[in-house]
Protein backbone atom coordinates (compact mmCIF):
# COMPACT_ATOMS: atom_id res chain seq x y z
CA UNK A 1 -21.45 44.85 -28.90
CA UNK A 2 -18.03 46.43 -29.21
CA UNK A 3 -15.50 44.38 -27.29
CA UNK A 4 -18.10 42.98 -24.90
CA UNK A 5 -17.94 39.53 -23.42
CA UNK A 6 -21.34 37.85 -23.62
CA UNK A 7 -23.21 36.31 -20.70
CA UNK A 8 -26.66 35.02 -20.05
CA UNK A 9 -28.97 37.93 -19.32
CA UNK A 10 -30.66 36.42 -16.28
CA UNK A 11 -31.23 38.20 -12.95
CA UNK A 12 -29.54 41.56 -12.42
CA UNK A 13 -28.51 43.31 -15.62
CA UNK A 14 -25.94 46.11 -15.96
CA UNK A 15 -25.42 48.30 -18.98
CA UNK A 16 -22.23 50.32 -19.36
CA UNK A 17 -22.29 53.25 -21.77
CA UNK A 18 -19.39 55.03 -23.40
CA UNK A 19 -20.09 58.14 -25.44
CA UNK A 20 -23.76 57.18 -25.54
CA UNK A 21 -23.08 53.81 -27.20
CA UNK A 22 -23.48 50.57 -25.24
CA UNK A 23 -20.40 48.39 -25.13
CA UNK A 24 -21.49 45.76 -22.66
CA UNK A 25 -24.60 44.09 -21.32
CA UNK A 26 -23.84 41.67 -18.55
CA UNK A 27 -25.61 39.36 -16.13
CA UNK A 28 -24.55 39.27 -12.51
CA UNK A 29 -26.31 36.00 -11.83
CA UNK A 30 -26.99 33.36 -14.48
CA UNK A 31 -28.09 29.74 -14.52
CA UNK A 32 -25.55 28.99 -17.22
CA UNK A 33 -22.50 29.87 -15.25
CA UNK A 34 -22.79 33.34 -13.75
CA UNK A 35 -21.94 36.78 -14.98
CA UNK A 36 -20.03 37.74 -18.05
CA UNK A 37 -16.55 39.25 -17.94
CA UNK A 38 -15.55 42.65 -19.20
CA UNK A 39 -13.17 42.57 -22.15
CA UNK A 40 -10.88 45.60 -21.97
CA UNK A 41 -7.92 43.19 -22.00
CA UNK A 42 -5.64 45.82 -23.49
CA UNK A 43 -6.14 47.96 -20.41
CA UNK A 44 -5.80 45.07 -17.99
CA UNK A 45 -2.51 44.09 -19.59
CA UNK A 46 -1.23 47.63 -19.94
CA UNK A 47 2.53 47.87 -20.08
CA UNK A 48 4.59 49.38 -17.32
CA UNK A 49 5.17 53.08 -17.76
CA UNK A 50 6.57 56.05 -15.91
CA UNK A 51 5.57 59.61 -15.17
CA UNK A 52 2.00 60.92 -15.13
CA UNK A 53 -0.62 58.76 -16.82
CA UNK A 54 -1.52 59.79 -20.36
CA UNK A 55 -4.98 60.65 -21.65
CA UNK A 56 -5.01 57.40 -23.60
CA UNK A 57 -4.13 55.39 -20.50
CA UNK A 58 -6.75 57.21 -18.44
CA UNK A 59 -9.52 56.57 -20.98
CA UNK A 60 -8.64 52.90 -21.48
CA UNK A 61 -8.28 52.14 -17.77
CA UNK A 62 -11.50 53.94 -16.85
CA UNK A 63 -13.38 52.16 -19.66
CA UNK A 64 -12.14 48.74 -18.57
CA UNK A 65 -12.86 49.38 -14.90
CA UNK A 66 -16.40 50.66 -15.50
CA UNK A 67 -17.10 47.72 -17.82
CA UNK A 68 -15.94 45.25 -15.16
CA UNK A 69 -17.96 47.00 -12.48
CA UNK A 70 -21.02 47.03 -14.76
CA UNK A 71 -20.56 43.32 -15.36
CA UNK A 72 -20.35 42.61 -11.65
CA UNK A 73 -16.88 41.19 -12.31
CA UNK A 74 -15.38 42.26 -8.99
CA UNK A 75 -12.04 40.54 -9.50
CA UNK A 76 -11.33 42.16 -12.86
CA UNK A 77 -12.45 45.55 -11.59
CA UNK A 78 -10.28 45.18 -8.49
CA UNK A 79 -7.19 44.31 -10.53
CA UNK A 80 -7.58 47.62 -12.33
CA UNK A 81 -7.22 49.56 -9.06
CA UNK A 82 -4.40 50.30 -6.64
CA UNK A 83 -6.30 48.67 -3.75
CA UNK A 84 -7.55 45.36 -5.06
CA UNK A 85 -8.82 43.99 -1.75
CA UNK A 86 -11.01 46.99 -0.95
CA UNK A 87 -12.27 47.37 -4.52
CA UNK A 88 -13.17 43.69 -4.91
CA UNK A 89 -15.18 43.71 -1.72
CA UNK A 90 -17.02 46.94 -2.58
CA UNK A 91 -17.88 46.01 -6.18
CA UNK A 92 -18.99 42.56 -5.10
CA UNK A 93 -21.27 43.98 -2.43
CA UNK A 94 -22.80 46.50 -4.83
CA UNK A 95 -25.37 43.87 -5.82
CA UNK A 96 -25.10 41.40 -2.98
CA UNK A 97 -25.65 43.87 -0.12
CA UNK A 98 -26.94 47.03 -1.80
CA UNK A 99 -29.42 44.99 -3.85
CA UNK A 100 -28.64 46.79 -7.11
CA UNK A 101 -30.58 44.90 -9.78
CA UNK A 102 -29.81 47.13 -12.74
CA UNK A 103 -27.53 50.04 -13.56
CA UNK A 104 -26.51 52.20 -16.47
CA UNK A 105 -23.02 53.70 -16.11
CA UNK A 106 -22.35 56.63 -18.44
CA UNK A 107 -18.84 58.18 -18.42
CA UNK A 108 -18.49 61.87 -19.02
CA UNK A 109 -15.66 63.84 -20.60
CA UNK A 110 -12.30 63.10 -18.91
CA UNK A 111 -10.52 66.00 -17.25
CA UNK A 112 -6.86 65.10 -17.17
CA UNK A 113 -6.58 61.89 -15.15
CA UNK A 114 -10.11 62.23 -13.72
CA UNK A 115 -13.15 60.67 -15.37
CA UNK A 116 -16.67 61.62 -14.25
CA UNK A 117 -19.59 59.26 -14.76
CA UNK A 118 -23.28 58.92 -14.05
CA UNK A 119 -24.82 55.86 -12.43
CA UNK A 120 -28.52 55.22 -12.96
CA UNK A 121 -29.30 52.24 -10.77
CA UNK A 122 -32.34 50.32 -9.67
CA UNK A 123 -32.59 48.84 -6.20
CA UNK A 124 -34.80 45.77 -5.82
CA UNK A 125 -35.62 44.38 -2.39
CA UNK A 126 -38.38 41.87 -1.69
CA UNK A 127 -40.28 42.71 -4.85
CA UNK A 128 -39.98 46.49 -4.54
CA UNK A 129 -37.86 48.37 -7.09
CA UNK A 130 -36.88 52.03 -6.94
CA UNK A 131 -34.36 54.14 -8.90
CA UNK A 132 -31.16 55.53 -7.42
CA UNK A 133 -29.21 57.91 -9.68
CA UNK A 134 -26.04 59.81 -8.86
CA UNK A 135 -22.84 61.27 -10.30
CA UNK A 136 -19.35 60.33 -9.19
CA UNK A 137 -15.82 60.23 -10.55
CA UNK A 138 -12.60 58.26 -10.55
CA UNK A 139 -8.96 59.18 -11.01
CA UNK A 140 -6.32 57.12 -12.77
CA UNK A 141 -2.81 57.06 -11.31
CA UNK A 142 0.46 55.30 -11.99
CA UNK A 143 0.90 52.16 -9.88
CA UNK A 144 3.77 52.68 -7.43
CA UNK A 145 5.30 49.24 -7.99
CA UNK A 146 3.71 47.99 -11.21
CA UNK A 147 4.01 51.26 -13.12
CA UNK A 148 0.67 50.46 -14.76
CA UNK A 149 -2.22 52.93 -15.00
CA UNK A 150 -4.66 52.05 -12.21
CA UNK A 151 -7.85 53.50 -10.78
CA UNK A 152 -7.03 55.24 -7.50
CA UNK A 153 -9.52 53.38 -5.34
CA UNK A 154 -11.73 55.47 -3.08
CA UNK A 155 -14.98 54.36 -1.48
CA UNK A 156 -16.65 57.37 -3.11
CA UNK A 157 -16.20 55.72 -6.51
CA UNK A 158 -19.12 53.44 -5.65
CA UNK A 159 -21.24 56.37 -4.37
CA UNK A 160 -20.11 60.00 -3.87
CA UNK A 161 -21.39 60.18 -0.29
CA UNK A 162 -19.31 57.23 0.86
CA UNK A 163 -16.43 58.24 3.08
CA UNK A 164 -13.46 56.07 3.96
CA UNK A 165 -14.50 52.75 5.47
CA UNK A 166 -18.21 53.24 4.74
CA UNK A 167 -20.46 50.74 2.92
CA UNK A 168 -23.54 50.97 0.70
CA UNK A 169 -26.33 48.80 2.08
CA UNK A 170 -30.02 48.08 1.52
CA UNK A 171 -32.70 46.08 3.27
CA UNK A 172 -34.71 46.25 6.46
CA UNK A 173 -32.94 48.58 8.92
CA UNK A 174 -32.28 47.53 12.50
CA UNK A 175 -34.22 50.48 13.92
CA UNK A 176 -37.63 51.83 12.85
CA UNK A 177 -37.96 55.38 11.56
CA UNK A 178 -38.81 58.10 14.05
CA UNK A 179 -40.90 61.21 13.75
CA UNK A 180 -38.84 63.72 15.68
CA UNK A 181 -40.80 66.68 17.01
CA UNK A 182 -39.74 69.84 18.79
CA UNK A 183 -40.78 70.90 22.28
CA UNK A 184 -44.12 72.13 20.92
CA UNK A 185 -44.88 69.05 18.81
CA UNK A 186 -43.80 70.47 15.43
CA UNK A 187 -42.14 67.84 13.23
CA UNK A 188 -38.43 68.22 12.52
CA UNK A 189 -37.33 66.86 9.15
CA UNK A 190 -33.95 66.96 7.37
CA UNK A 191 -35.69 68.47 4.35
CA UNK A 192 -36.81 71.50 6.36
CA UNK A 193 -33.78 71.61 8.67
CA UNK A 194 -30.88 70.19 6.60
CA UNK A 195 -28.15 70.49 9.22
CA UNK A 196 -30.22 68.37 11.61
CA UNK A 197 -29.77 65.31 9.37
CA UNK A 198 -26.86 63.78 11.34
CA UNK A 199 -28.60 64.65 14.62
CA UNK A 200 -31.85 62.99 13.51
CA UNK A 201 -29.90 59.95 12.26
CA UNK A 202 -28.28 59.57 15.67
CA UNK A 203 -31.60 60.03 17.47
CA UNK A 204 -33.11 57.30 15.34
CA UNK A 205 -30.21 54.95 16.03
CA UNK A 206 -30.48 55.58 19.78
CA UNK A 207 -34.25 55.70 20.23
CA UNK A 208 -35.85 54.16 17.14
CA UNK A 209 -36.54 50.96 19.03
CA UNK A 210 -38.06 52.79 22.00
CA UNK A 211 -40.80 54.77 20.26
CA UNK A 212 -43.08 52.01 19.02
CA UNK A 213 -42.42 52.28 15.28
CA UNK A 214 -41.98 49.52 12.69
CA UNK A 215 -39.06 49.31 10.22
CA UNK A 216 -39.63 49.44 6.47
CA UNK A 217 -36.93 48.99 3.82
CA UNK A 218 -34.19 51.45 2.85
CA UNK A 219 -30.92 52.09 1.09
CA UNK A 220 -28.36 53.55 3.45
CA UNK A 221 -24.70 54.31 4.07
CA UNK A 222 -23.24 52.14 6.79
CA UNK A 223 -20.44 54.11 8.52
CA UNK A 224 -17.39 52.66 10.21
CA UNK A 225 -18.79 54.07 13.46
CA UNK A 226 -21.88 56.07 14.38
CA UNK A 227 -25.39 56.09 12.89
CA UNK A 228 -26.27 55.10 9.35
CA UNK A 229 -27.39 57.68 6.79
CA UNK A 230 -30.51 56.90 4.77
CA UNK A 231 -30.24 57.54 1.01
CA UNK A 232 -33.53 56.13 -0.26
CA UNK A 233 -36.71 54.75 1.30
CA UNK A 234 -37.91 51.61 -0.49
CA UNK A 235 -40.84 50.78 1.76
CA UNK A 236 -42.22 53.25 4.26
CA UNK A 237 -42.01 52.09 7.85
CA UNK A 238 -44.29 53.17 10.67
CA UNK A 239 -42.43 55.86 12.62
CA UNK A 240 -42.68 56.29 16.35
CA UNK A 241 -42.80 59.83 17.74
CA UNK A 242 -39.74 61.15 19.55
CA UNK A 243 -40.04 64.43 21.43
CA UNK A 244 -36.92 66.56 21.60
CA UNK A 245 -36.14 69.76 23.48
CA UNK A 246 -35.38 71.59 20.22
CA UNK A 247 -37.41 74.65 19.29
CA UNK A 248 -38.41 74.76 15.62
CA UNK A 249 -38.40 78.56 15.54
CA UNK A 250 -34.92 78.84 17.03
CA UNK A 251 -33.69 75.96 14.86
CA UNK A 252 -34.93 77.70 11.71
CA UNK A 253 -33.07 80.87 12.69
CA UNK A 254 -29.93 78.85 13.42
CA UNK A 255 -30.09 77.11 10.03
CA UNK A 256 -30.47 80.44 8.24
CA UNK A 257 -27.70 82.08 10.27
CA UNK A 258 -24.98 79.44 9.72
CA UNK A 259 -25.89 79.25 6.04
CA UNK A 260 -24.29 82.67 5.54
CA UNK A 261 -20.81 81.43 6.47
CA UNK A 262 -18.78 78.36 5.42
CA UNK A 263 -17.65 75.96 8.15
CA UNK A 264 -20.01 77.51 10.71
CA UNK A 265 -21.70 75.94 13.74
CA UNK A 266 -24.04 77.19 16.47
CA UNK A 267 -25.87 75.83 19.52
CA UNK A 268 -28.55 77.46 21.67
CA UNK A 269 -29.47 76.25 25.16
CA UNK A 270 -31.92 77.30 27.85
CA UNK A 271 -29.95 78.29 30.98
CA UNK A 272 -32.84 77.52 33.31
CA UNK A 273 -32.92 73.81 32.48
CA UNK A 274 -30.08 72.99 30.07
CA UNK A 275 -32.44 72.09 27.22
CA UNK A 276 -30.82 72.37 23.78
CA UNK A 277 -33.01 74.65 21.64
CA UNK A 278 -31.06 74.51 18.38
CA UNK A 279 -28.10 72.76 16.75
CA UNK A 280 -26.97 73.88 13.31
CA UNK A 281 -23.93 73.36 11.11
CA UNK A 282 -22.98 74.59 7.66
CA UNK A 283 -19.99 72.47 6.71
CA UNK A 284 -18.70 70.76 3.59
CA UNK A 285 -18.06 67.51 5.48
CA UNK A 286 -21.47 67.25 7.17
CA UNK A 287 -19.77 66.85 10.56
CA UNK A 288 -21.74 67.89 13.66
CA UNK A 289 -19.00 70.25 14.85
CA UNK A 290 -21.55 72.13 16.95
CA UNK A 291 -21.67 69.23 19.40
CA UNK A 292 -18.65 67.08 18.53
CA UNK A 293 -15.99 69.59 17.51
CA UNK A 294 -12.79 70.21 19.43
CA UNK A 295 -11.17 73.59 18.69
CA UNK A 296 -9.42 76.19 20.82
CA UNK A 297 -12.20 78.55 22.03
CA UNK A 298 -10.11 81.71 22.21
CA UNK A 299 -11.26 84.49 24.49
CA UNK A 300 -14.68 82.95 25.16
CA UNK A 301 -12.68 80.86 27.66
CA UNK A 302 -12.12 84.05 29.65
CA UNK A 303 -15.56 83.51 31.19
CA UNK A 304 -14.16 80.46 33.01
CA UNK A 305 -10.82 82.14 33.72
CA UNK A 306 -12.54 85.21 35.16
CA UNK A 307 -14.70 83.02 37.41
CA UNK A 308 -11.60 81.25 38.73
CA UNK A 309 -9.66 84.47 39.34
CA UNK A 310 -12.62 86.16 41.06
CA UNK A 311 -13.33 83.03 43.10
CA UNK A 312 -9.74 83.05 44.40
CA UNK A 313 -9.88 86.73 45.27
CA UNK A 314 -7.19 87.70 42.77
CA UNK A 315 -9.36 90.11 40.77
CA UNK A 316 -12.71 91.85 41.07
CA UNK A 317 -14.88 93.38 38.40
CA UNK A 318 -14.65 96.88 39.84
CA UNK A 319 -10.95 96.75 40.85
CA UNK A 320 -7.99 97.91 38.73
CA UNK A 321 -6.32 95.26 36.56
CA UNK A 322 -3.15 95.80 34.53
CA UNK A 323 -3.93 95.86 30.83
CA UNK A 324 -0.50 96.40 29.29
CA UNK A 325 0.51 95.89 25.67
CA UNK A 326 2.24 92.62 26.51
CA UNK A 327 2.89 90.17 29.32
CA UNK A 328 5.59 87.52 29.66
CA UNK A 329 4.92 84.15 31.26
CA UNK A 330 6.87 80.92 30.99
CA UNK A 331 9.32 82.49 28.59
CA UNK A 332 6.65 83.48 26.10
CA UNK A 333 5.40 86.97 25.35
CA UNK A 334 1.64 87.45 25.02
CA UNK A 335 0.11 90.45 23.26
CA UNK A 336 -3.25 92.13 23.05
CA UNK A 337 -4.94 92.57 19.70
CA UNK A 338 -3.07 95.29 17.82
CA UNK A 339 -0.97 95.74 21.00
CA UNK A 340 -3.58 97.95 22.64
CA UNK A 341 -3.27 98.92 26.30
CA UNK A 342 -5.69 100.42 28.84
CA UNK A 343 -3.91 102.13 31.74
CA UNK A 344 -6.03 102.27 34.89
CA UNK A 345 -8.67 99.93 33.53
CA UNK A 346 -10.77 97.78 35.84
CA UNK A 347 -10.93 94.02 35.40
CA UNK A 348 -14.44 94.44 33.98
CA UNK A 349 -13.09 96.79 31.32
CA UNK A 350 -10.30 94.32 30.53
CA UNK A 351 -12.92 91.58 30.13
CA UNK A 352 -15.14 93.76 27.95
CA UNK A 353 -12.25 94.77 25.72
CA UNK A 354 -10.79 91.24 25.76
CA UNK A 355 -7.45 92.29 27.19
CA UNK A 356 -5.22 89.19 27.23
CA UNK A 357 -2.62 90.62 29.58
CA UNK A 358 -5.20 91.41 32.26
CA UNK A 359 -5.85 87.65 32.49
CA UNK A 360 -2.23 86.50 32.35
CA UNK A 361 -0.67 88.88 34.87
CA UNK A 362 -2.61 87.43 37.88
CA UNK A 363 -1.23 83.91 37.25
CA UNK A 364 1.58 84.39 39.74
CA UNK A 365 -0.96 84.63 42.56
CA UNK A 366 -2.88 81.48 41.57
CA UNK A 367 -0.20 79.05 42.79
CA UNK A 368 -2.02 76.01 41.41
CA UNK A 369 -1.34 74.67 37.94
CA UNK A 370 -4.68 72.83 37.98
CA UNK A 371 -6.76 75.86 39.05
CA UNK A 372 -8.33 76.51 35.66
CA UNK A 373 -8.96 72.81 35.03
CA UNK A 374 -10.66 72.48 38.43
CA UNK A 375 -12.86 75.54 37.88
CA UNK A 376 -13.92 74.28 34.46
CA UNK A 377 -14.86 70.84 35.77
CA UNK A 378 -16.15 71.55 39.28
CA UNK A 379 -18.26 74.61 38.45
CA UNK A 380 -18.88 74.59 34.68
CA UNK A 381 -19.13 70.82 34.19
CA UNK A 382 -16.50 70.68 31.45
CA UNK A 383 -15.13 67.14 31.11
CA UNK A 384 -17.89 65.36 33.06
CA UNK A 385 -18.99 62.91 30.33
CA UNK A 386 -22.17 64.62 29.18
CA UNK A 387 -24.96 62.37 27.91
CA UNK A 388 -27.01 64.74 25.80
CA UNK A 389 -28.96 62.05 23.95
CA UNK A 390 -26.57 61.71 21.02
CA UNK A 391 -22.79 61.66 20.70
CA UNK A 392 -21.23 64.88 21.96
CA UNK A 393 -17.88 66.10 23.24
CA UNK A 394 -17.89 67.91 26.57
CA UNK A 395 -14.68 69.93 26.24
CA UNK A 396 -11.17 69.57 27.56
CA UNK A 397 -9.24 71.84 29.94
CA UNK A 398 -6.08 69.93 30.87
CA UNK A 399 -3.66 70.93 33.62
CA UNK A 400 -0.78 72.93 32.19
CA UNK A 401 2.35 74.75 33.29
CA UNK A 402 4.48 77.61 32.05
CA UNK A 403 3.59 79.28 28.79
CA UNK A 404 0.97 76.64 28.03
CA UNK A 405 -0.82 77.50 31.29
CA UNK A 406 -0.91 81.17 30.32
CA UNK A 407 -2.16 80.29 26.84
CA UNK A 408 -4.96 78.31 28.44
CA UNK A 409 -6.10 81.34 30.43
CA UNK A 410 -6.99 83.04 27.13
CA UNK A 411 -8.43 79.94 25.44
CA UNK A 412 -5.43 78.73 23.49
CA UNK A 413 -2.90 75.94 24.16
CA UNK A 414 -4.39 72.47 24.63
CA UNK A 415 -7.88 73.64 25.59
CA UNK A 416 -10.59 72.48 23.18
CA UNK A 417 -14.30 73.28 23.03
CA UNK A 418 -17.24 73.31 20.66
CA UNK A 419 -20.26 75.64 20.49
CA UNK A 420 -22.27 73.31 22.76
CA UNK A 421 -19.63 73.62 25.50
CA UNK A 422 -19.33 77.39 25.20
CA UNK A 423 -23.10 77.89 25.13
CA UNK A 424 -23.26 75.80 28.31
CA UNK A 425 -20.51 77.90 29.90
CA UNK A 426 -22.54 81.03 29.20
CA UNK A 427 -25.68 79.36 30.57
CA UNK A 428 -23.81 78.45 33.76
CA UNK A 429 -22.52 82.00 34.14
CA UNK A 430 -26.04 83.29 33.57
CA UNK A 431 -27.59 81.25 36.41
CA UNK A 432 -24.63 80.23 38.56
CA UNK A 433 -25.61 76.55 38.18
CA UNK A 434 -24.32 73.98 35.69
CA UNK A 435 -27.18 72.13 34.04
CA UNK A 436 -25.97 69.49 31.64
CA UNK A 437 -27.24 70.20 28.11
CA UNK A 438 -30.00 67.83 27.00
CA UNK A 439 -31.37 67.11 23.54
CA UNK A 440 -33.97 64.58 24.72
CA UNK A 441 -35.32 63.60 28.12
CA UNK A 442 -33.14 61.22 30.17
CA UNK A 443 -36.33 59.35 31.05
CA UNK A 444 -36.27 57.83 27.55
CA UNK A 445 -33.32 55.60 28.39
CA UNK A 446 -32.54 56.19 32.07
CA UNK A 447 -29.15 57.69 31.33
CA UNK A 448 -27.26 59.45 34.12
CA UNK A 449 -26.91 63.22 33.79
CA UNK A 450 -23.66 64.95 34.76
CA UNK A 451 -23.75 67.30 37.75
CA UNK A 452 -21.13 69.79 38.83
CA UNK A 453 -19.29 69.39 42.12
CA UNK A 454 -20.11 72.86 43.38
CA UNK A 455 -22.36 75.79 42.64
CA UNK A 456 -20.81 79.08 41.57
CA UNK A 457 -20.59 81.60 44.38
CA UNK A 458 -23.28 84.24 44.13
CA UNK A 459 -20.75 87.08 44.15
CA UNK A 460 -18.79 85.46 41.31
CA UNK A 461 -21.93 84.91 39.24
CA UNK A 462 -23.08 88.50 39.69
CA UNK A 463 -19.72 89.86 38.59
CA UNK A 464 -19.55 87.54 35.56
CA UNK A 465 -22.99 88.59 34.38
CA UNK A 466 -22.20 92.27 34.89
CA UNK A 467 -18.99 91.94 32.85
CA UNK A 468 -20.79 90.12 30.03
CA UNK A 469 -23.42 92.85 30.04
CA UNK A 470 -20.67 95.47 29.83
CA UNK A 471 -19.12 93.59 26.90
CA UNK A 472 -22.48 93.69 25.14
CA UNK A 473 -23.14 97.37 25.83
CA UNK A 474 -19.74 98.96 25.37
CA UNK A 475 -17.12 96.26 24.71
CA UNK A 476 -16.08 94.10 21.77
CA UNK A 477 -19.63 92.74 21.36
CA UNK A 478 -21.36 96.12 21.37
CA UNK A 479 -22.11 96.39 17.66
CA UNK A 480 -23.27 92.77 17.38
CA UNK A 481 -25.49 92.80 20.46
CA UNK A 482 -27.09 96.10 19.49
CA UNK A 483 -29.11 94.04 17.02
CA UNK A 484 -30.45 91.80 19.81
CA UNK A 485 -33.74 92.86 21.31
CA UNK A 486 -34.37 93.15 25.04
CA UNK A 487 -32.40 94.81 27.79
CA UNK A 488 -31.11 91.77 29.69
CA UNK A 489 -28.27 90.60 27.48
CA UNK A 490 -24.57 89.86 27.70
CA UNK A 491 -21.80 88.45 25.53
CA UNK A 492 -18.16 87.52 25.05
CA UNK A 493 -16.17 87.55 21.83
CA UNK A 494 -13.26 85.33 20.95
CA UNK A 495 -10.81 84.46 18.21
CA UNK A 496 -8.47 81.49 18.27
CA UNK A 497 -5.23 81.20 16.35
CA UNK A 498 -4.88 77.87 14.55
CA UNK A 499 -1.52 76.57 13.33
CA UNK A 500 -1.27 76.70 9.57
CA UNK A 501 -4.38 78.85 9.16
CA UNK A 502 -4.21 82.31 7.68
CA UNK A 503 -7.18 83.54 9.67
CA UNK A 504 -8.23 82.74 13.26
CA UNK A 505 -11.40 80.89 14.16
CA UNK A 506 -14.24 83.26 15.00
CA UNK A 507 -16.05 82.61 18.32
CA UNK A 508 -18.94 84.43 19.96
CA UNK A 509 -21.24 83.61 22.84
CA UNK A 510 -24.07 85.54 24.43
CA UNK A 511 -27.32 85.41 26.34
CA UNK A 512 -30.62 87.20 26.12
CA UNK A 513 -33.26 86.39 28.70
CA UNK A 514 -33.38 82.62 29.16
CA UNK A 515 -31.50 81.76 25.96
CA UNK A 516 -27.73 81.31 25.67
CA UNK A 517 -25.99 80.64 22.36
CA UNK A 518 -22.48 80.16 21.03
CA UNK A 519 -21.14 79.98 17.49
CA UNK A 520 -17.84 79.17 15.84
CA UNK A 521 -16.75 79.80 12.25
CA UNK A 522 -13.50 78.12 11.25
CA UNK A 523 -11.17 80.72 9.76
CA UNK A 524 -13.89 83.36 10.24
CA UNK A 525 -11.64 86.02 11.79
CA UNK A 526 -12.46 87.98 14.93
CA UNK A 527 -15.40 87.00 17.09
CA UNK A 528 -17.75 89.76 16.02
CA UNK A 529 -16.94 89.29 12.32
CA UNK A 530 -18.72 86.01 11.62
CA UNK A 531 -19.76 84.12 14.77
CA UNK A 532 -21.32 87.26 16.28
CA UNK A 533 -24.07 87.80 13.69
CA UNK A 534 -24.97 84.10 13.91
CA UNK A 535 -25.49 84.28 17.67
CA UNK A 536 -27.42 87.55 17.39
CA UNK A 537 -29.87 86.03 14.92
CA UNK A 538 -30.39 82.95 17.10
CA UNK A 539 -30.90 85.01 20.27
CA UNK A 540 -33.50 87.14 18.55
CA UNK A 541 -35.43 84.01 17.57
CA UNK A 542 -35.44 82.79 21.17
């Protein structure tokens, strides 16, 4: 063996490969004194240098690190990184807590300071062994104080799906598996509905112990907070059945719709009861932005603003409302898209065309800095600590003054929402009653459901719905909603400027019959450009 330290091959065995040739076979546990040590002493004792690491330094450091990892020599591996404490713990737990009994590590061709490699591991737990293979990579950097070439430690070195602070674990999970089914009893699996994976993981964590199942054995990623993510099933458990309010048909349409755009999210709810029909995300980070995101909602917020202004008697759908090119409030000048104006327009027309100035000019008559915040919370339920069944964020509409208050009226400033919140806003406008969105029945765990302080006035609700219908028939949502079947439909478009982004976030919300949906595409442009087609496809499925 080239440069390999020898150890008793007893217990877990690791084989490290370089260029297809083995350079080390090591034992992690041995009766004669434990595991062997990686050689690679030239790399460990590399001299201090300066500037970018060289190809020679990268290759030698990567080789030594992978050899130490393969040997289970956590201390040596850790000393070859720029975060020894974290690396030593992770490498040590690779066998001790992930139950890796064997692994072949095969480096690929280095690309500058980055070295890819393939890990072909075997997990053994209570007599059951299954393979776990994956590709990852490491990068070699210059140590800030030592000047030596060191592996830039990241948790993803151990497994590519590990994010910061996460751990690789195996064994018997704390909660049994669950067979999640939709409202009609159809099974929902992450294989068929990929973006539901984090949702199903959270449902299992919350209700796995309440559905009568029995745990098996698994390999999973243990996050710093939130539910674990299963990587491999070692022994099948006995799942309990968990009924959700999701609709498989609507979910399938949502999955297909968001898949057409990067960083896209959508939620559909049933206005009559608040049941969540679909949750879908298409994101590189796997984050459930549909329910947990917090982004400025842009002009979709005008639904709430319009309700507040109508409620206070400051505007009416059929009354004139100034839609000028610009409006000044709090020392800041606000413009309409492309500086359009609509002399003599009614407030309904301003809503349908998404005229910013028509919403900012009435501020002087409001005389209450908290008016929008109160309307959002008391009527639309925003900020009432929703308990949907999994973790979710229920929006934020803080009290503001001056220019920030005006920005809030058009969905900018410090206001944050996600598609779940905006879909709920549309559902509330549709019926006049806030019904907290629900993914599963509250009877499962006796959780308290949020209720709004007051019902929307009938006259306000009628005007909101008529303006959303106008938006769908002849306003900014006309082209998008033309693709939605049925005659009872309404919508609102939105785009939200984000600091440092070249393109605004695209927002769109709409209803058709007893289905309301909202979508957001980060950097997607105007509301009808990206988010609109997503909502249209989901509404048609409902």
